[in-house]
Amino acid sequence: MSNKHIQIFTKVLLDNDIQSPMPSDLAITDSTTPPFSDKLIMFLMSLLSAAGMGNYATAAAASQRSDLAMNYERLSLEIGQYAKDGADIMISNEWLEQPPGTLDKEQLAKNKNQNS
């Protein structure tokens, strides 16, 4: 997903004759031994997803270009789904509590009618 986001914004920069930044994956190791726990990485990815959504929202609000604002909004939805998938993984591994939700009012009504 990140490569897609990078490609979209790199294209915008290059179309406007602006040099795009260098990729940050130049120092990635080929080690197969994980240096951090899955729990820590999932928490970090959740934090980065939330920060990314906030950055896109701020950028969309400050941008005077509708083409960029549309990209920010569209990509924010993708990040939101990615963040939800990550939260579901953390909940299923009991690294995060299930957030409070609303009651199923239809089920409550059925139970009430059955008990009456």
PDB file of N, CA and C in Angstrom:
ATOM      1  N   MET A   1       0.819  -1.181   0.000  1.00  0.00           N
ATOM      2  CA  MET A   1       0.000   0.000   0.000  1.00  0.00           C
ATOM      3  C   MET A   1       0.870   1.254   0.000  1.00  0.00           C
ATOM      4  N   SER A   2       1.953   1.230   0.745  1.00  0.00           N
ATOM      5  CA  SER A   2       2.802   2.423   0.813  1.00  0.00           C
ATOM      6  C   SER A   2       3.424   2.740  -0.542  1.00  0.00           C
ATOM      7  N   ASN A   3       3.781   1.705  -1.302  1.00  0.00           N
ATOM      8  CA  ASN A   3       4.337   1.954  -2.635  1.00  0.00           C
ATOM      9  C   ASN A   3       3.321   2.664  -3.536  1.00  0.00           C
ATOM     10  N   LYS A   4       2.067   2.289  -3.409  1.00  0.00           N
ATOM     11  CA  LYS A   4       1.008   2.942  -4.189  1.00  0.00           C
ATOM     12  C   LYS A   4       0.923   4.423  -3.826  1.00  0.00           C
ATOM     13  N   HIS A   5       0.950   4.726  -2.533  1.00  0.00           N
ATOM     14  CA  HIS A   5       0.874   6.115  -2.076  1.00  0.00           C
ATOM     15  C   HIS A   5       2.089   6.899  -2.583  1.00  0.00           C
ATOM     16  N   ILE A   6       3.254   6.284  -2.483  1.00  0.00           N
ATOM     17  CA  ILE A   6       4.483   6.948  -2.949  1.00  0.00           C
ATOM     18  C   ILE A   6       4.401   7.223  -4.443  1.00  0.00           C
ATOM     19  N   GLN A   7       3.940   6.247  -5.211  1.00  0.00           N
ATOM     20  CA  GLN A   7       3.837   6.428  -6.664  1.00  0.00           C
ATOM     21  C   GLN A   7       2.875   7.554  -7.028  1.00  0.00           C
ATOM     22  N   ILE A   8       1.752   7.635  -6.332  1.00  0.00           N
ATOM     23  CA  ILE A   8       0.762   8.683  -6.622  1.00  0.00           C
ATOM     24  C   ILE A   8       1.365  10.061  -6.407  1.00  0.00           C
ATOM     25  N   PHE A   9       2.004  10.267  -5.252  1.00  0.00           N
ATOM     26  CA  PHE A   9       2.527  11.593  -4.937  1.00  0.00           C
ATOM     27  C   PHE A   9       3.833  11.896  -5.687  1.00  0.00           C
ATOM     28  N   THR A  10       4.617  10.862  -6.003  1.00  0.00           N
ATOM     29  CA  THR A  10       5.805  11.078  -6.832  1.00  0.00           C
ATOM     30  C   THR A  10       5.393  11.548  -8.214  1.00  0.00           C
ATOM     31  N   LYS A  11       4.344  10.948  -8.759  1.00  0.00           N
ATOM     32  CA  LYS A  11       3.850  11.361 -10.078  1.00  0.00           C
ATOM     33  C   LYS A  11       3.402  12.821 -10.059  1.00  0.00           C
ATOM     34  N   VAL A  12       2.686  13.226  -8.989  1.00  0.00           N
ATOM     35  CA  VAL A  12       2.255  14.620  -8.880  1.00  0.00           C
ATOM     36  C   VAL A  12       3.464  15.549  -8.863  1.00  0.00           C
ATOM     37  N   LEU A  13       4.486  15.193  -8.086  1.00  0.00           N
ATOM     38  CA  LEU A  13       5.688  16.022  -8.020  1.00  0.00           C
ATOM     39  C   LEU A  13       6.383  16.101  -9.371  1.00  0.00           C
ATOM     40  N   LEU A  14       6.588  14.966  -9.995  1.00  0.00           N
ATOM     41  CA  LEU A  14       7.295  14.944 -11.275  1.00  0.00           C
ATOM     42  C   LEU A  14       6.500  15.653 -12.368  1.00  0.00           C
ATOM     43  N   ASP A  15       5.171  15.526 -12.350  1.00  0.00           N
ATOM     44  CA  ASP A  15       4.328  16.232 -13.325  1.00  0.00           C
ATOM     45  C   ASP A  15       4.439  17.746 -13.185  1.00  0.00           C
ATOM     46  N   ASN A  16       4.832  18.189 -11.992  1.00  0.00           N
ATOM     47  CA  ASN A  16       4.981  19.622 -11.735  1.00  0.00           C
ATOM     48  C   ASN A  16       6.449  20.044 -11.703  1.00  0.00           C
ATOM     49  N   ASP A  17       7.306  19.206 -12.290  1.00  0.00           N
ATOM     50  CA  ASP A  17       8.743  19.482 -12.378  1.00  0.00           C
ATOM     51  C   ASP A  17       9.386  19.729 -11.013  1.00  0.00           C
ATOM     52  N   ILE A  18       8.992  18.909 -10.042  1.00  0.00           N
ATOM     53  CA  ILE A  18       9.568  18.978  -8.701  1.00  0.00           C
ATOM     54  C   ILE A  18      10.251  17.640  -8.429  1.00  0.00           C
ATOM     55  N   GLN A  19      11.481  17.691  -7.961  1.00  0.00           N
ATOM     56  CA  GLN A  19      12.232  16.475  -7.668  1.00  0.00           C
ATOM     57  C   GLN A  19      11.558  15.718  -6.524  1.00  0.00           C
ATOM     58  N   SER A  20      11.371  14.419  -6.684  1.00  0.00           N
ATOM     59  CA  SER A  20      10.775  13.617  -5.613  1.00  0.00           C
ATOM     60  C   SER A  20      11.867  13.160  -4.646  1.00  0.00           C
ATOM     61  N   PRO A  21      11.507  12.915  -3.378  1.00  0.00           N
ATOM     62  CA  PRO A  21      12.495  12.470  -2.386  1.00  0.00           C
ATOM     63  C   PRO A  21      13.032  11.075  -2.710  1.00  0.00           C
ATOM     64  N   MET A  22      14.180  10.775  -2.173  1.00  0.00           N
ATOM     65  CA  MET A  22      14.790   9.453  -2.344  1.00  0.00           C
ATOM     66  C   MET A  22      14.034   8.443  -1.483  1.00  0.00           C
ATOM     67  N   PRO A  23      13.925   7.202  -1.937  1.00  0.00           N
ATOM     68  CA  PRO A  23      13.257   6.185  -1.119  1.00  0.00           C
ATOM     69  C   PRO A  23      14.066   5.891   0.147  1.00  0.00           C
ATOM     70  N   SER A  24      13.361   5.464   1.190  1.00  0.00           N
ATOM     71  CA  SER A  24      14.030   5.216   2.479  1.00  0.00           C
ATOM     72  C   SER A  24      14.421   3.761   2.676  1.00  0.00           C
ATOM     73  N   ASP A  25      14.215   2.911   1.680  1.00  0.00           N
ATOM     74  CA  ASP A  25      14.522   1.495   1.852  1.00  0.00           C
ATOM     75  C   ASP A  25      15.952   1.126   1.462  1.00  0.00           C
ATOM     76  N   LEU A  26      16.825   2.102   1.357  1.00  0.00           N
ATOM     77  CA  LEU A  26      18.198   1.836   0.946  1.00  0.00           C
ATOM     78  C   LEU A  26      18.998   1.113   2.021  1.00  0.00           C
ATOM     79  N   ALA A  27      18.594   1.217   3.280  1.00  0.00           N
ATOM     80  CA  ALA A  27      19.360   0.616   4.371  1.00  0.00           C
ATOM     81  C   ALA A  27      18.649  -0.585   4.989  1.00  0.00           C
ATOM     82  N   ILE A  28      17.755  -1.200   4.267  1.00  0.00           N
ATOM     83  CA  ILE A  28      17.033  -2.359   4.799  1.00  0.00           C
ATOM     84  C   ILE A  28      17.969  -3.565   4.798  1.00  0.00           C
ATOM     85  N   THR A  29      17.955  -4.293   5.893  1.00  0.00           N
ATOM     86  CA  THR A  29      18.828  -5.459   6.042  1.00  0.00           C
ATOM     87  C   THR A  29      18.194  -6.695   5.400  1.00  0.00           C
ATOM     88  N   ASP A  30      19.004  -7.684   5.097  1.00  0.00           N
ATOM     89  CA  ASP A  30      18.484  -8.939   4.554  1.00  0.00           C
ATOM     90  C   ASP A  30      18.390 -10.019   5.635  1.00  0.00           C
ATOM     91  N   SER A  31      18.500  -9.620   6.889  1.00  0.00           N
ATOM     92  CA  SER A  31      18.406 -10.552   8.000  1.00  0.00           C
ATOM     93  C   SER A  31      16.990 -11.119   8.082  1.00  0.00           C
ATOM     94  N   THR A  32      16.880 -12.390   8.450  1.00  0.00           N
ATOM     95  CA  THR A  32      15.575 -13.021   8.619  1.00  0.00           C
ATOM     96  C   THR A  32      15.204 -13.181  10.090  1.00  0.00           C
ATOM     97  N   THR A  33      16.068 -12.732  10.990  1.00  0.00           N
ATOM     98  CA  THR A  33      15.789 -12.776  12.423  1.00  0.00           C
ATOM     99  C   THR A  33      15.111 -11.477  12.827  1.00  0.00           C
ATOM    100  N   PRO A  34      13.875 -11.543  13.308  1.00  0.00           N
ATOM    101  CA  PRO A  34      13.177 -10.306  13.666  1.00  0.00           C
ATOM    102  C   PRO A  34      13.800  -9.644  14.894  1.00  0.00           C
ATOM    103  N   PRO A  35      14.159  -8.351  14.808  1.00  0.00           N
ATOM    104  CA  PRO A  35      14.763  -7.673  15.946  1.00  0.00           C
ATOM    105  C   PRO A  35      13.725  -7.216  16.984  1.00  0.00           C
ATOM    106  N   PHE A  36      12.450  -7.184  16.608  1.00  0.00           N
ATOM    107  CA  PHE A  36      11.397  -6.709  17.508  1.00  0.00           C
ATOM    108  C   PHE A  36      10.259  -7.723  17.549  1.00  0.00           C
ATOM    109  N   SER A  37       9.479  -7.672  18.604  1.00  0.00           N
ATOM    110  CA  SER A  37       8.363  -8.603  18.747  1.00  0.00           C
ATOM    111  C   SER A  37       7.213  -8.216  17.821  1.00  0.00           C
ATOM    112  N   ASP A  38       6.396  -9.203  17.481  1.00  0.00           N
ATOM    113  CA  ASP A  38       5.217  -8.950  16.648  1.00  0.00           C
ATOM    114  C   ASP A  38       4.287  -7.952  17.327  1.00  0.00           C
ATOM    115  N   LYS A  39       4.155  -8.075  18.641  1.00  0.00           N
ATOM    116  CA  LYS A  39       3.276  -7.180  19.401  1.00  0.00           C
ATOM    117  C   LYS A  39       3.742  -5.728  19.281  1.00  0.00           C
ATOM    118  N   LEU A  40       5.032  -5.490  19.399  1.00  0.00           N
ATOM    119  CA  LEU A  40       5.570  -4.137  19.292  1.00  0.00           C
ATOM    120  C   LEU A  40       5.384  -3.584  17.884  1.00  0.00           C
ATOM    121  N   ILE A  41       5.654  -4.396  16.878  1.00  0.00           N
ATOM    122  CA  ILE A  41       5.518  -3.941  15.500  1.00  0.00           C
ATOM    123  C   ILE A  41       4.063  -3.641  15.175  1.00  0.00           C
ATOM    124  N   MET A  42       3.145  -4.464  15.638  1.00  0.00           N
ATOM    125  CA  MET A  42       1.718  -4.202  15.390  1.00  0.00           C
ATOM    126  C   MET A  42       1.287  -2.895  16.062  1.00  0.00           C
ATOM    127  N   PHE A  43       1.763  -2.662  17.283  1.00  0.00           N
ATOM    128  CA  PHE A  43       1.442  -1.408  17.958  1.00  0.00           C
ATOM    129  C   PHE A  43       2.011  -0.222  17.184  1.00  0.00           C
ATOM    130  N   LEU A  44       3.254  -0.348  16.733  1.00  0.00           N
ATOM    131  CA  LEU A  44       3.894   0.727  15.976  1.00  0.00           C
ATOM    132  C   LEU A  44       3.144   1.002  14.672  1.00  0.00           C
ATOM    133  N   MET A  45       2.748  -0.037  13.964  1.00  0.00           N
ATOM    134  CA  MET A  45       2.017   0.146  12.706  1.00  0.00           C
ATOM    135  C   MET A  45       0.663   0.809  12.960  1.00  0.00           C
ATOM    136  N   SER A  46       0.032   0.465  14.071  1.00  0.00           N
ATOM    137  CA  SER A  46      -1.231   1.100  14.434  1.00  0.00           C
ATOM    138  C   SER A  46      -1.023   2.592  14.696  1.00  0.00           C
ATOM    139  N   LEU A  47       0.027   2.907  15.422  1.00  0.00           N
ATOM    140  CA  LEU A  47       0.360   4.293  15.720  1.00  0.00           C
ATOM    141  C   LEU A  47       0.685   5.070  14.449  1.00  0.00           C
ATOM    142  N   LEU A  48       1.476   4.470  13.570  1.00  0.00           N
ATOM    143  CA  LEU A  48       1.840   5.135  12.313  1.00  0.00           C
ATOM    144  C   LEU A  48       0.633   5.308  11.394  1.00  0.00           C
ATOM    145  N   SER A  49      -0.268   4.353  11.389  1.00  0.00           N
ATOM    146  CA  SER A  49      -1.485   4.473  10.574  1.00  0.00           C
ATOM    147  C   SER A  49      -2.336   5.645  11.051  1.00  0.00           C
ATOM    148  N   ALA A  50      -2.486   5.762  12.364  1.00  0.00           N
ATOM    149  CA  ALA A  50      -3.265   6.870  12.920  1.00  0.00           C
ATOM    150  C   ALA A  50      -2.597   8.204  12.596  1.00  0.00           C
ATOM    151  N   ALA A  51      -1.275   8.255  12.722  1.00  0.00           N
ATOM    152  CA  ALA A  51      -0.556   9.493  12.404  1.00  0.00           C
ATOM    153  C   ALA A  51      -0.679   9.821  10.919  1.00  0.00           C
ATOM    154  N   GLY A  52      -0.600   8.803  10.070  1.00  0.00           N
ATOM    155  CA  GLY A  52      -0.733   9.013   8.634  1.00  0.00           C
ATOM    156  C   GLY A  52      -2.091   9.566   8.253  1.00  0.00           C
ATOM    157  N   MET A  53      -3.139   9.027   8.881  1.00  0.00           N
ATOM    158  CA  MET A  53      -4.483   9.541   8.607  1.00  0.00           C
ATOM    159  C   MET A  53      -4.600  10.990   9.055  1.00  0.00           C
ATOM    160  N   GLY A  54      -4.020  11.307  10.185  1.00  0.00           N
ATOM    161  CA  GLY A  54      -4.034  12.690  10.661  1.00  0.00           C
ATOM    162  C   GLY A  54      -3.273  13.615   9.738  1.00  0.00           C
ATOM    163  N   ASN A  55      -2.132  13.144   9.231  1.00  0.00           N
ATOM    164  CA  ASN A  55      -1.343  13.954   8.301  1.00  0.00           C
ATOM    165  C   ASN A  55      -2.101  14.205   7.006  1.00  0.00           C
ATOM    166  N   TYR A  56      -2.752  13.174   6.492  1.00  0.00           N
ATOM    167  CA  TYR A  56      -3.523  13.341   5.257  1.00  0.00           C
ATOM    168  C   TYR A  56      -4.696  14.305   5.478  1.00  0.00           C
ATOM    169  N   ALA A  57      -5.354  14.212   6.616  1.00  0.00           N
ATOM    170  CA  ALA A  57      -6.471  15.113   6.905  1.00  0.00           C
ATOM    171  C   ALA A  57      -5.994  16.563   6.997  1.00  0.00           C
ATOM    172  N   THR A  58      -4.872  16.782   7.659  1.00  0.00           N
ATOM    173  CA  THR A  58      -4.307  18.130   7.753  1.00  0.00           C
ATOM    174  C   THR A  58      -3.904  18.643   6.381  1.00  0.00           C
ATOM    175  N   ALA A  59      -3.272  17.787   5.598  1.00  0.00           N
ATOM    176  CA  ALA A  59      -2.844  18.186   4.249  1.00  0.00           C
ATOM    177  C   ALA A  59      -4.039  18.508   3.365  1.00  0.00           C
ATOM    178  N   ALA A  60      -5.105  17.715   3.464  1.00  0.00           N
ATOM    179  CA  ALA A  60      -6.302  17.966   2.653  1.00  0.00           C
ATOM    180  C   ALA A  60      -6.943  19.292   3.039  1.00  0.00           C
ATOM    181  N   ALA A  61      -6.964  19.584   4.332  1.00  0.00           N
ATOM    182  CA  ALA A  61      -7.566  20.836   4.796  1.00  0.00           C
ATOM    183  C   ALA A  61      -6.745  22.045   4.361  1.00  0.00           C
ATOM    184  N   ALA A  62      -5.437  21.894   4.292  1.00  0.00           N
ATOM    185  CA  ALA A  62      -4.572  23.024   3.957  1.00  0.00           C
ATOM    186  C   ALA A  62      -4.323  23.170   2.452  1.00  0.00           C
ATOM    187  N   SER A  63      -4.614  22.127   1.699  1.00  0.00           N
ATOM    188  CA  SER A  63      -4.308  22.147   0.264  1.00  0.00           C
ATOM    189  C   SER A  63      -5.328  22.980  -0.509  1.00  0.00           C
ATOM    190  N   GLN A  64      -4.826  23.752  -1.442  1.00  0.00           N
ATOM    191  CA  GLN A  64      -5.702  24.524  -2.314  1.00  0.00           C
ATOM    192  C   GLN A  64      -5.873  23.830  -3.657  1.00  0.00           C
ATOM    193  N   ARG A  65      -5.286  22.655  -3.790  1.00  0.00           N
ATOM    194  CA  ARG A  65      -5.398  21.894  -5.030  1.00  0.00           C
ATOM    195  C   ARG A  65      -6.388  20.757  -4.833  1.00  0.00           C
ATOM    196  N   SER A  66      -7.442  20.767  -5.615  1.00  0.00           N
ATOM    197  CA  SER A  66      -8.480  19.749  -5.449  1.00  0.00           C
ATOM    198  C   SER A  66      -7.974  18.358  -5.826  1.00  0.00           C
ATOM    199  N   ASP A  67      -7.031  18.260  -6.782  1.00  0.00           N
ATOM    200  CA  ASP A  67      -6.520  16.943  -7.157  1.00  0.00           C
ATOM    201  C   ASP A  67      -5.767  16.292  -5.998  1.00  0.00           C
ATOM    202  N   LEU A  68      -5.017  17.095  -5.252  1.00  0.00           N
ATOM    203  CA  LEU A  68      -4.307  16.545  -4.102  1.00  0.00           C
ATOM    204  C   LEU A  68      -5.268  16.204  -2.970  1.00  0.00           C
ATOM    205  N   ALA A  69      -6.232  17.074  -2.726  1.00  0.00           N
ATOM    206  CA  ALA A  69      -7.202  16.823  -1.654  1.00  0.00           C
ATOM    207  C   ALA A  69      -7.973  15.532  -1.919  1.00  0.00           C
ATOM    208  N   MET A  70      -8.322  15.285  -3.174  1.00  0.00           N
ATOM    209  CA  MET A  70      -9.023  14.038  -3.509  1.00  0.00           C
ATOM    210  C   MET A  70      -8.126  12.831  -3.242  1.00  0.00           C
ATOM    211  N   ASN A  71      -6.839  12.932  -3.588  1.00  0.00           N
ATOM    212  CA  ASN A  71      -5.910  11.839  -3.289  1.00  0.00           C
ATOM    213  C   ASN A  71      -5.801  11.611  -1.792  1.00  0.00           C
ATOM    214  N   TYR A  72      -5.684  12.686  -1.017  1.00  0.00           N
ATOM    215  CA  TYR A  72      -5.571  12.548   0.436  1.00  0.00           C
ATOM    216  C   TYR A  72      -6.796  11.834   1.016  1.00  0.00           C
ATOM    217  N   GLU A  73      -7.970  12.242   0.596  1.00  0.00           N
ATOM    218  CA  GLU A  73      -9.199  11.650   1.138  1.00  0.00           C
ATOM    219  C   GLU A  73      -9.327  10.182   0.734  1.00  0.00           C
ATOM    220  N   ARG A  74      -9.058   9.879  -0.518  1.00  0.00           N
ATOM    221  CA  ARG A  74      -9.176   8.502  -1.012  1.00  0.00           C
ATOM    222  C   ARG A  74      -8.176   7.592  -0.303  1.00  0.00           C
ATOM    223  N   LEU A  75      -6.956   8.069  -0.170  1.00  0.00           N
ATOM    224  CA  LEU A  75      -5.929   7.249   0.463  1.00  0.00           C
ATOM    225  C   LEU A  75      -6.148   7.126   1.972  1.00  0.00           C
ATOM    226  N   SER A  76      -6.793   8.127   2.578  1.00  0.00           N
ATOM    227  CA  SER A  76      -7.126   8.034   4.002  1.00  0.00           C
ATOM    228  C   SER A  76      -8.069   6.869   4.266  1.00  0.00           C
ATOM    229  N   LEU A  77      -9.006   6.647   3.358  1.00  0.00           N
ATOM    230  CA  LEU A  77      -9.923   5.514   3.506  1.00  0.00           C
ATOM    231  C   LEU A  77      -9.165   4.190   3.479  1.00  0.00           C
ATOM    232  N   GLU A  78      -8.179   4.086   2.587  1.00  0.00           N
ATOM    233  CA  GLU A  78      -7.372   2.873   2.524  1.00  0.00           C
ATOM    234  C   GLU A  78      -6.591   2.664   3.820  1.00  0.00           C
ATOM    235  N   ILE A  79      -6.025   3.734   4.344  1.00  0.00           N
ATOM    236  CA  ILE A  79      -5.274   3.624   5.599  1.00  0.00           C
ATOM    237  C   ILE A  79      -6.211   3.226   6.735  1.00  0.00           C
ATOM    238  N   GLY A  80      -7.419   3.773   6.732  1.00  0.00           N
ATOM    239  CA  GLY A  80      -8.392   3.422   7.766  1.00  0.00           C
ATOM    240  C   GLY A  80      -8.715   1.937   7.756  1.00  0.00           C
ATOM    241  N   GLN A  81      -8.896   1.364   6.579  1.00  0.00           N
ATOM    242  CA  GLN A  81      -9.173  -0.077   6.482  1.00  0.00           C
ATOM    243  C   GLN A  81      -7.962  -0.880   6.925  1.00  0.00           C
ATOM    244  N   TYR A  82      -6.775  -0.429   6.546  1.00  0.00           N
ATOM    245  CA  TYR A  82      -5.535  -1.091   6.963  1.00  0.00           C
ATOM    246  C   TYR A  82      -5.403  -1.057   8.488  1.00  0.00           C
ATOM    247  N   ALA A  83      -5.696   0.093   9.084  1.00  0.00           N
ATOM    248  CA  ALA A  83      -5.608   0.232  10.540  1.00  0.00           C
ATOM    249  C   ALA A  83      -6.627  -0.674  11.228  1.00  0.00           C
ATOM    250  N   LYS A  84      -7.831  -0.783  10.664  1.00  0.00           N
ATOM    251  CA  LYS A  84      -8.849  -1.665  11.241  1.00  0.00           C
ATOM    252  C   LYS A  84      -8.405  -3.117  11.186  1.00  0.00           C
ATOM    253  N   ASP A  85      -7.827  -3.522  10.050  1.00  0.00           N
ATOM    254  CA  ASP A  85      -7.319  -4.893   9.940  1.00  0.00           C
ATOM    255  C   ASP A  85      -6.247  -5.151  10.997  1.00  0.00           C
ATOM    256  N   GLY A  86      -5.374  -4.177  11.221  1.00  0.00           N
ATOM    257  CA  GLY A  86      -4.338  -4.312  12.243  1.00  0.00           C
ATOM    258  C   GLY A  86      -4.932  -4.415  13.641  1.00  0.00           C
ATOM    259  N   ALA A  87      -5.949  -3.603  13.919  1.00  0.00           N
ATOM    260  CA  ALA A  87      -6.609  -3.673  15.228  1.00  0.00           C
ATOM    261  C   ALA A  87      -7.282  -5.022  15.423  1.00  0.00           C
ATOM    262  N   ASP A  88      -7.891  -5.549  14.374  1.00  0.00           N
ATOM    263  CA  ASP A  88      -8.517  -6.867  14.471  1.00  0.00           C
ATOM    264  C   ASP A  88      -7.484  -7.951  14.781  1.00  0.00           C
ATOM    265  N   ILE A  89      -6.303  -7.844  14.179  1.00  0.00           N
ATOM    266  CA  ILE A  89      -5.229  -8.809  14.461  1.00  0.00           C
ATOM    267  C   ILE A  89      -4.800  -8.701  15.923  1.00  0.00           C
ATOM    268  N   MET A  90      -4.646  -7.460  16.414  1.00  0.00           N
ATOM    269  CA  MET A  90      -4.228  -7.277  17.817  1.00  0.00           C
ATOM    270  C   MET A  90      -5.308  -7.784  18.770  1.00  0.00           C
ATOM    271  N   ILE A  91      -6.578  -7.579  18.444  1.00  0.00           N
ATOM    272  CA  ILE A  91      -7.670  -8.067  19.297  1.00  0.00           C
ATOM    273  C   ILE A  91      -7.674  -9.593  19.311  1.00  0.00           C
ATOM    274  N   SER A  92      -7.522 -10.221  18.138  1.00  0.00           N
ATOM    275  CA  SER A  92      -7.558 -11.687  18.079  1.00  0.00           C
ATOM    276  C   SER A  92      -6.378 -12.316  18.819  1.00  0.00           C
ATOM    277  N   ASN A  93      -5.253 -11.610  18.930  1.00  0.00           N
ATOM    278  CA  ASN A  93      -4.093 -12.108  19.680  1.00  0.00           C
ATOM    279  C   ASN A  93      -4.096 -11.650  21.138  1.00  0.00           C
ATOM    280  N   GLU A  94      -5.166 -10.959  21.542  1.00  0.00           N
ATOM    281  CA  GLU A  94      -5.333 -10.445  22.905  1.00  0.00           C
ATOM    282  C   GLU A  94      -4.243  -9.459  23.296  1.00  0.00           C
ATOM    283  N   TRP A  95      -3.767  -8.678  22.315  1.00  0.00           N
ATOM    284  CA  TRP A  95      -2.819  -7.608  22.562  1.00  0.00           C
ATOM    285  C   TRP A  95      -3.548  -6.290  22.733  1.00  0.00           C
ATOM    286  N   LEU A  96      -4.823  -6.274  22.425  1.00  0.00           N
ATOM    287  CA  LEU A  96      -5.649  -5.079  22.498  1.00  0.00           C
ATOM    288  C   LEU A  96      -7.052  -5.516  22.883  1.00  0.00           C
ATOM    289  N   GLU A  97      -7.705  -4.731  23.735  1.00  0.00           N
ATOM    290  CA  GLU A  97      -9.075  -5.057  24.111  1.00  0.00           C
ATOM    291  C   GLU A  97     -10.025  -4.658  23.002  1.00  0.00           C
ATOM    292  N   GLN A  98     -11.115  -5.427  22.893  1.00  0.00           N
ATOM    293  CA  GLN A  98     -12.174  -5.070  21.951  1.00  0.00           C
ATOM    294  C   GLN A  98     -12.759  -3.733  22.406  1.00  0.00           C
ATOM    295  N   PRO A  99     -12.797  -2.723  21.529  1.00  0.00           N
ATOM    296  CA  PRO A  99     -13.364  -1.441  21.941  1.00  0.00           C
ATOM    297  C   PRO A  99     -14.856  -1.569  22.207  1.00  0.00           C
ATOM    298  N   PRO A 100     -15.384  -0.724  23.089  1.00  0.00           N
ATOM    299  CA  PRO A 100     -16.814  -0.796  23.370  1.00  0.00           C
ATOM    300  C   PRO A 100     -17.622  -0.498  22.108  1.00  0.00           C
ATOM    301  N   GLY A 101     -18.710  -1.162  21.964  1.00  0.00           N
ATOM    302  CA  GLY A 101     -19.589  -0.951  20.814  1.00  0.00           C
ATOM    303  C   GLY A 101     -21.013  -0.698  21.275  1.00  0.00           C
ATOM    304  N   THR A 102     -21.892  -0.580  20.336  1.00  0.00           N
ATOM    305  CA  THR A 102     -23.301  -0.377  20.675  1.00  0.00           C
ATOM    306  C   THR A 102     -23.984  -1.723  20.827  1.00  0.00           C
ATOM    307  N   LEU A 103     -25.088  -1.715  21.544  1.00  0.00           N
ATOM    308  CA  LEU A 103     -25.868  -2.931  21.731  1.00  0.00           C
ATOM    309  C   LEU A 103     -26.652  -3.234  20.467  1.00  0.00           C
ATOM    310  N   ASP A 104     -26.892  -4.519  20.216  1.00  0.00           N
ATOM    311  CA  ASP A 104     -27.715  -4.939  19.088  1.00  0.00           C
ATOM    312  C   ASP A 104     -29.167  -4.786  19.516  1.00  0.00           C
ATOM    313  N   LYS A 105     -29.766  -3.670  19.148  1.00  0.00           N
ATOM    314  CA  LYS A 105     -31.128  -3.352  19.598  1.00  0.00           C
ATOM    315  C   LYS A 105     -32.163  -4.328  19.060  1.00  0.00           C
ATOM    316  N   GLU A 106     -31.953  -4.834  17.856  1.00  0.00           N
ATOM    317  CA  GLU A 106     -32.890  -5.819  17.296  1.00  0.00           C
ATOM    318  C   GLU A 106     -32.871  -7.104  18.113  1.00  0.00           C
ATOM    319  N   GLN A 107     -31.666  -7.552  18.507  1.00  0.00           N
ATOM    320  CA  GLN A 107     -31.552  -8.764  19.320  1.00  0.00           C
ATOM    321  C   GLN A 107     -32.164  -8.535  20.701  1.00  0.00           C
ATOM    322  N   LEU A 108     -31.968  -7.352  21.272  1.00  0.00           N
ATOM    323  CA  LEU A 108     -32.568  -7.044  22.573  1.00  0.00           C
ATOM    324  C   LEU A 108     -34.094  -7.062  22.484  1.00  0.00           C
ATOM    325  N   ALA A 109     -34.633  -6.515  21.396  1.00  0.00           N
ATOM    326  CA  ALA A 109     -36.091  -6.498  21.214  1.00  0.00           C
ATOM    327  C   ALA A 109     -36.630  -7.915  21.076  1.00  0.00           C
ATOM    328  N   LYS A 110     -35.914  -8.777  20.340  1.00  0.00           N
ATOM    329  CA  LYS A 110     -36.352 -10.180  20.187  1.00  0.00           C
ATOM    330  C   LYS A 110     -36.341 -10.880  21.529  1.00  0.00           C
ATOM    331  N   ASN A 111     -35.269 -10.658  22.320  1.00  0.00           N
ATOM    332  CA  ASN A 111     -35.171 -11.287  23.636  1.00  0.00           C
ATOM    333  C   ASN A 111     -36.282 -10.801  24.556  1.00  0.00           C
ATOM    334  N   LYS A 112     -36.611  -9.528  24.479  1.00  0.00           N
ATOM    335  CA  LYS A 112     -37.665  -8.972  25.324  1.00  0.00           C
ATOM    336  C   LYS A 112     -39.010  -9.574  24.955  1.00  0.00           C
ATOM    337  N   ASN A 113     -39.284  -9.711  23.659  1.00  0.00           N
ATOM    338  CA  ASN A 113     -40.554 -10.285  23.192  1.00  0.00           C
ATOM    339  C   ASN A 113     -40.655 -11.766  23.580  1.00  0.00           C
ATOM    340  N   GLN A 114     -39.552 -12.482  23.567  1.00  0.00           N
ATOM    341  CA  GLN A 114     -39.568 -13.897  23.934  1.00  0.00           C
ATOM    342  C   GLN A 114     -39.789 -14.064  25.427  1.00  0.00           C
ATOM    343  N   ASN A 115     -39.286 -13.136  26.237  1.00  0.00           N
ATOM    344  CA  ASN A 115     -39.421 -13.229  27.690  1.00  0.00           C
ATOM    345  C   ASN A 115     -40.787 -12.723  28.168  1.00  0.00           C
ATOM    346  N   SER A 116     -41.539 -12.036  27.328  1.00  0.00           N
ATOM    347  CA  SER A 116     -42.851 -11.491  27.737  1.00  0.00           C
ATOM    348  C   SER A 116     -43.947 -12.506  27.622  1.00  0.00           C
TER     349      SER A 116
END
